[in-house]
Amino acid sequence: QVINATTNHMISSTGTPLLRIQDLKSGEEHVFMNENVPKTKIAVETDIIVSRTGLVGLTFRGRTGVVHNNCFMVKSISTKLNNDYLFHFLSSRRVSKKMEEMASGSVQSDLSHSKFKLLPVAMPELELQVQATRILNKIENAINIKNSQHKVLKNIKNVVLAKMSKA
């Protein structure tokens, strides 16, 4: 179980970002935790974060911060499973959909730890995993570059439109 992020004495105006689903999706940071957070609850950029409550099955990496209690921090514990491959595997639509199906709850979907551990992981030979992740990482980087360019162009467009409306 991850720290209950609503515990007010842990909230701070600066410090380690609290990685909530909405912040992981937007890439922004709005809430911070003080320095008393146990190091085991802090994800680093190589860690995989999977949402488990509400929007079940979203997969993230490349972020550092305290993992909110509506997410899992996932790491490979096998030398036969490449961490990049695991990220791409968990990010696939098929696996994301499977996680959604495994979740339960009458008010809000929740994927329990025990159900998540039952998720079957396809493990081709390590060499094939590495080859596949080289390609998938290049594709992911290209998508990130395009998204960044899109964001910059959208901001420029908004500035131009704002100036035009004042004229």
C-alpha atoms as a PDB file:
ATOM      1  CA  GLN A   1       0.000   0.000   0.000  1.00  0.00           C
ATOM      2  CA  VAL A   2       1.276   3.429  -0.902  1.00  0.00           C
ATOM      3  CA  ILE A   3       0.994   6.390   1.451  1.00  0.00           C
ATOM      4  CA  ASN A   4      -2.485   7.811   1.737  1.00  0.00           C
ATOM      5  CA  ALA A   5      -1.898  10.956  -0.279  1.00  0.00           C
ATOM      6  CA  THR A   6      -4.728  12.800   1.441  1.00  0.00           C
ATOM      7  CA  THR A   7      -2.809  12.790   4.721  1.00  0.00           C
ATOM      8  CA  ASN A   8      -2.450  16.540   5.207  1.00  0.00           C
ATOM      9  CA  HIS A   9       0.694  16.422   7.335  1.00  0.00           C
ATOM     10  CA  MET A  10       2.582  14.929   4.359  1.00  0.00           C
ATOM     11  CA  ILE A  11       1.507  17.671   1.899  1.00  0.00           C
ATOM     12  CA  SER A  12       3.960  20.490   1.231  1.00  0.00           C
ATOM     13  CA  SER A  13       4.163  23.478  -1.122  1.00  0.00           C
ATOM     14  CA  THR A  14       7.498  22.238  -2.478  1.00  0.00           C
ATOM     15  CA  GLY A  15       9.422  19.002  -2.353  1.00  0.00           C
ATOM     16  CA  THR A  16       8.825  15.655  -4.008  1.00  0.00           C
ATOM     17  CA  PRO A  17       5.936  15.668  -6.508  1.00  0.00           C
ATOM     18  CA  LEU A  18       2.891  13.543  -5.737  1.00  0.00           C
ATOM     19  CA  LEU A  19       2.261  11.493  -8.875  1.00  0.00           C
ATOM     20  CA  ARG A  20      -1.526  11.466  -9.205  1.00  0.00           C
ATOM     21  CA  ILE A  21      -3.157  10.015 -12.335  1.00  0.00           C
ATOM     22  CA  GLN A  22      -4.224  13.442 -13.612  1.00  0.00           C
ATOM     23  CA  ASP A  23      -0.662  14.760 -13.174  1.00  0.00           C
ATOM     24  CA  LEU A  24       0.875  11.691 -14.804  1.00  0.00           C
ATOM     25  CA  LYS A  25      -1.449  12.177 -17.793  1.00  0.00           C
ATOM     26  CA  SER A  26      -0.722  15.906 -18.108  1.00  0.00           C
ATOM     27  CA  GLY A  27       2.987  15.681 -17.275  1.00  0.00           C
ATOM     28  CA  GLU A  28       2.497  18.449 -14.700  1.00  0.00           C
ATOM     29  CA  GLU A  29       3.049  18.657 -10.939  1.00  0.00           C
ATOM     30  CA  HIS A  30       0.525  20.333  -8.641  1.00  0.00           C
ATOM     31  CA  VAL A  31       0.853  18.689  -5.219  1.00  0.00           C
ATOM     32  CA  PHE A  32       4.067  17.989  -3.346  1.00  0.00           C
ATOM     33  CA  MET A  33       5.029  15.822  -0.403  1.00  0.00           C
ATOM     34  CA  ASN A  34       7.430  16.722   2.396  1.00  0.00           C
ATOM     35  CA  GLU A  35      10.768  15.009   2.980  1.00  0.00           C
ATOM     36  CA  ASN A  36       9.308  12.491   5.468  1.00  0.00           C
ATOM     37  CA  VAL A  37       8.036  10.210   2.685  1.00  0.00           C
ATOM     38  CA  PRO A  38       9.689   6.767   2.836  1.00  0.00           C
ATOM     39  CA  LYS A  39      12.109   6.247  -0.070  1.00  0.00           C
ATOM     40  CA  THR A  40      10.312   2.990  -0.970  1.00  0.00           C
ATOM     41  CA  LYS A  41       7.246   5.035  -1.987  1.00  0.00           C
ATOM     42  CA  ILE A  42       9.198   7.241  -4.411  1.00  0.00           C
ATOM     43  CA  ALA A  43       9.352   6.240  -8.073  1.00  0.00           C
ATOM     44  CA  VAL A  44      12.369   7.093 -10.197  1.00  0.00           C
ATOM     45  CA  GLU A  45      12.354   7.650 -13.968  1.00  0.00           C
ATOM     46  CA  THR A  46      13.018   3.983 -14.774  1.00  0.00           C
ATOM     47  CA  ASP A  47      10.092   2.746 -12.667  1.00  0.00           C
ATOM     48  CA  ILE A  48       6.799   1.772 -14.269  1.00  0.00           C
ATOM     49  CA  ILE A  49       3.626   3.242 -12.784  1.00  0.00           C
ATOM     50  CA  VAL A  50       0.244   1.653 -13.517  1.00  0.00           C
ATOM     51  CA  SER A  51      -3.073   3.228 -12.523  1.00  0.00           C
ATOM     52  CA  ARG A  52      -5.253   0.900 -10.467  1.00  0.00           C
ATOM     53  CA  THR A  53      -8.288   2.937  -9.366  1.00  0.00           C
ATOM     54  CA  GLY A  54     -10.779   4.827 -11.499  1.00  0.00           C
ATOM     55  CA  LEU A  55      -8.916   4.968 -14.790  1.00  0.00           C
ATOM     56  CA  VAL A  56      -7.492   1.455 -14.530  1.00  0.00           C
ATOM     57  CA  GLY A  57      -4.600   0.287 -16.711  1.00  0.00           C
ATOM     58  CA  LEU A  58      -2.883   3.545 -17.711  1.00  0.00           C
ATOM     59  CA  THR A  59       0.887   3.024 -17.805  1.00  0.00           C
ATOM     60  CA  PHE A  60       3.583   5.655 -17.248  1.00  0.00           C
ATOM     61  CA  ARG A  61       7.335   5.982 -16.792  1.00  0.00           C
ATOM     62  CA  GLY A  62       9.924   8.720 -16.867  1.00  0.00           C
ATOM     63  CA  ARG A  63       8.648  10.454 -13.721  1.00  0.00           C
ATOM     64  CA  THR A  64      10.138  10.890 -10.272  1.00  0.00           C
ATOM     65  CA  GLY A  65       7.907  11.361  -7.260  1.00  0.00           C
ATOM     66  CA  VAL A  66       5.660   9.787  -4.655  1.00  0.00           C
ATOM     67  CA  VAL A  67       3.308   7.256  -6.220  1.00  0.00           C
ATOM     68  CA  HIS A  68      -0.285   8.079  -5.279  1.00  0.00           C
ATOM     69  CA  ASN A  69      -2.268   5.275  -3.673  1.00  0.00           C
ATOM     70  CA  ASN A  70      -4.401   4.886  -6.828  1.00  0.00           C
ATOM     71  CA  CYS A  71      -1.389   3.485  -8.712  1.00  0.00           C
ATOM     72  CA  PHE A  72       1.089   0.601  -8.566  1.00  0.00           C
ATOM     73  CA  MET A  73       4.839   0.915  -8.905  1.00  0.00           C
ATOM     74  CA  VAL A  74       5.845  -2.067 -11.068  1.00  0.00           C
ATOM     75  CA  LYS A  75       9.340  -3.528 -11.429  1.00  0.00           C
ATOM     76  CA  SER A  76      10.553  -6.702 -13.065  1.00  0.00           C
ATOM     77  CA  ILE A  77      11.850  -9.208 -10.523  1.00  0.00           C
ATOM     78  CA  SER A  78      13.116 -11.599 -13.176  1.00  0.00           C
ATOM     79  CA  THR A  79      16.420 -11.474 -15.047  1.00  0.00           C
ATOM     80  CA  LYS A  80      14.443 -12.913 -17.991  1.00  0.00           C
ATOM     81  CA  LEU A  81      12.183  -9.840 -18.228  1.00  0.00           C
ATOM     82  CA  ASN A  82      13.494  -6.556 -19.634  1.00  0.00           C
ATOM     83  CA  ASN A  83      12.009  -3.537 -17.817  1.00  0.00           C
ATOM     84  CA  ASP A  84      11.490  -1.575 -21.075  1.00  0.00           C
ATOM     85  CA  TYR A  85       9.714  -4.579 -22.574  1.00  0.00           C
ATOM     86  CA  LEU A  86       7.534  -4.842 -19.454  1.00  0.00           C
ATOM     87  CA  PHE A  87       6.585  -1.167 -19.834  1.00  0.00           C
ATOM     88  CA  HIS A  88       5.579  -1.589 -23.471  1.00  0.00           C
ATOM     89  CA  PHE A  89       3.765  -4.845 -22.710  1.00  0.00           C
ATOM     90  CA  LEU A  90       1.728  -3.216 -19.911  1.00  0.00           C
ATOM     91  CA  SER A  91       1.084  -0.174 -22.153  1.00  0.00           C
ATOM     92  CA  SER A  92      -0.456  -2.238 -24.926  1.00  0.00           C
ATOM     93  CA  ARG A  93      -4.176  -1.800 -25.551  1.00  0.00           C
ATOM     94  CA  ARG A  94      -4.793  -5.517 -25.082  1.00  0.00           C
ATOM     95  CA  VAL A  95      -3.162  -5.623 -21.640  1.00  0.00           C
ATOM     96  CA  SER A  96      -4.689  -2.310 -20.566  1.00  0.00           C
ATOM     97  CA  LYS A  97      -8.105  -3.663 -21.529  1.00  0.00           C
ATOM     98  CA  LYS A  98      -7.378  -6.874 -19.587  1.00  0.00           C
ATOM     99  CA  MET A  99      -6.529  -4.816 -16.483  1.00  0.00           C
ATOM    100  CA  GLU A 100      -9.823  -2.924 -16.855  1.00  0.00           C
ATOM    101  CA  GLU A 101     -11.697  -6.237 -17.081  1.00  0.00           C
ATOM    102  CA  MET A 102      -9.924  -7.581 -13.974  1.00  0.00           C
ATOM    103  CA  ALA A 103     -10.877  -4.498 -11.925  1.00  0.00           C
ATOM    104  CA  SER A 104     -13.981  -4.569  -9.778  1.00  0.00           C
ATOM    105  CA  GLY A 105     -16.019  -2.173  -7.690  1.00  0.00           C
ATOM    106  CA  SER A 106     -19.556  -0.880  -7.653  1.00  0.00           C
ATOM    107  CA  VAL A 107     -18.773   2.824  -7.382  1.00  0.00           C
ATOM    108  CA  GLN A 108     -15.253   3.027  -8.794  1.00  0.00           C
ATOM    109  CA  SER A 109     -13.189   0.393 -10.598  1.00  0.00           C
ATOM    110  CA  ASP A 110     -10.238  -0.873  -8.592  1.00  0.00           C
ATOM    111  CA  LEU A 111      -7.575  -3.384  -9.603  1.00  0.00           C
ATOM    112  CA  SER A 112      -6.362  -5.058  -6.420  1.00  0.00           C
ATOM    113  CA  HIS A 113      -2.759  -6.103  -5.890  1.00  0.00           C
ATOM    114  CA  SER A 114      -3.774  -9.755  -5.857  1.00  0.00           C
ATOM    115  CA  LYS A 115      -5.631  -9.502  -9.176  1.00  0.00           C
ATOM    116  CA  PHE A 116      -2.788  -7.543 -10.779  1.00  0.00           C
ATOM    117  CA  LYS A 117      -0.364 -10.306  -9.808  1.00  0.00           C
ATOM    118  CA  LEU A 118      -2.543 -12.750 -11.783  1.00  0.00           C
ATOM    119  CA  LEU A 119      -2.016 -10.783 -15.007  1.00  0.00           C
ATOM    120  CA  PRO A 120      -0.200 -13.126 -17.417  1.00  0.00           C
ATOM    121  CA  VAL A 121       2.966 -11.595 -18.881  1.00  0.00           C
ATOM    122  CA  ALA A 122       4.141 -12.810 -22.289  1.00  0.00           C
ATOM    123  CA  MET A 123       7.900 -13.334 -22.055  1.00  0.00           C
ATOM    124  CA  PRO A 124       9.645 -13.999 -25.354  1.00  0.00           C
ATOM    125  CA  GLU A 125      13.389 -14.668 -25.199  1.00  0.00           C
ATOM    126  CA  LEU A 126      15.331 -11.796 -23.648  1.00  0.00           C
ATOM    127  CA  GLU A 127      17.156 -11.023 -26.920  1.00  0.00           C
ATOM    128  CA  LEU A 128      13.813 -10.571 -28.708  1.00  0.00           C
ATOM    129  CA  GLN A 129      12.545  -8.357 -25.873  1.00  0.00           C
ATOM    130  CA  VAL A 130      15.620  -6.123 -26.231  1.00  0.00           C
ATOM    131  CA  GLN A 131      15.274  -5.909 -30.018  1.00  0.00           C
ATOM    132  CA  ALA A 132      11.581  -5.058 -29.765  1.00  0.00           C
ATOM    133  CA  THR A 133      12.133  -2.387 -27.118  1.00  0.00           C
ATOM    134  CA  ARG A 134      14.821  -0.678 -29.205  1.00  0.00           C
ATOM    135  CA  ILE A 135      12.215  -0.165 -31.914  1.00  0.00           C
ATOM    136  CA  LEU A 136       9.388   0.692 -29.502  1.00  0.00           C
ATOM    137  CA  ASN A 137      11.557   3.207 -27.602  1.00  0.00           C
ATOM    138  CA  LYS A 138      12.445   4.962 -30.883  1.00  0.00           C
ATOM    139  CA  ILE A 139       8.766   5.151 -31.782  1.00  0.00           C
ATOM    140  CA  GLU A 140       7.911   6.435 -28.300  1.00  0.00           C
ATOM    141  CA  ASN A 141      10.630   9.115 -28.547  1.00  0.00           C
ATOM    142  CA  ALA A 142       9.337  10.228 -31.962  1.00  0.00           C
ATOM    143  CA  ILE A 143       5.791  10.472 -30.574  1.00  0.00           C
ATOM    144  CA  ASN A 144       7.037  12.501 -27.589  1.00  0.00           C
ATOM    145  CA  ILE A 145       8.879  14.900 -29.909  1.00  0.00           C
ATOM    146  CA  LYS A 146       5.754  15.335 -32.057  1.00  0.00           C
ATOM    147  CA  ASN A 147       3.629  15.918 -28.950  1.00  0.00           C
ATOM    148  CA  SER A 148       6.096  18.538 -27.679  1.00  0.00           C
ATOM    149  CA  GLN A 149       6.082  20.282 -31.047  1.00  0.00           C
ATOM    150  CA  HIS A 150       2.283  20.198 -31.071  1.00  0.00           C
ATOM    151  CA  LYS A 151       2.156  21.745 -27.587  1.00  0.00           C
ATOM    152  CA  VAL A 152       4.559  24.535 -28.590  1.00  0.00           C
ATOM    153  CA  LEU A 153       2.621  25.294 -31.780  1.00  0.00           C
ATOM    154  CA  LYS A 154      -0.662  25.315 -29.871  1.00  0.00           C
ATOM    155  CA  ASN A 155       0.771  27.794 -27.349  1.00  0.00           C
ATOM    156  CA  ILE A 156       2.026  30.036 -30.177  1.00  0.00           C
ATOM    157  CA  LYS A 157      -1.413  29.859 -31.807  1.00  0.00           C
ATOM    158  CA  ASN A 158      -3.075  30.892 -28.529  1.00  0.00           C
ATOM    159  CA  VAL A 159      -0.686  33.834 -28.101  1.00  0.00           C
ATOM    160  CA  VAL A 160      -1.354  35.020 -31.674  1.00  0.00           C
ATOM    161  CA  LEU A 161      -5.119  34.670 -31.206  1.00  0.00           C
ATOM    162  CA  ALA A 162      -4.957  36.553 -27.905  1.00  0.00           C
ATOM    163  CA  LYS A 163      -3.048  39.412 -29.547  1.00  0.00           C
ATOM    164  CA  MET A 164      -5.498  39.473 -32.463  1.00  0.00           C
ATOM    165  CA  SER A 165      -8.482  39.725 -30.113  1.00  0.00           C
ATOM    166  CA  LYS A 166      -6.935  42.783 -28.419  1.00  0.00           C
ATOM    167  CA  ALA A 167      -6.413  44.568 -31.731  1.00  0.00           C
END
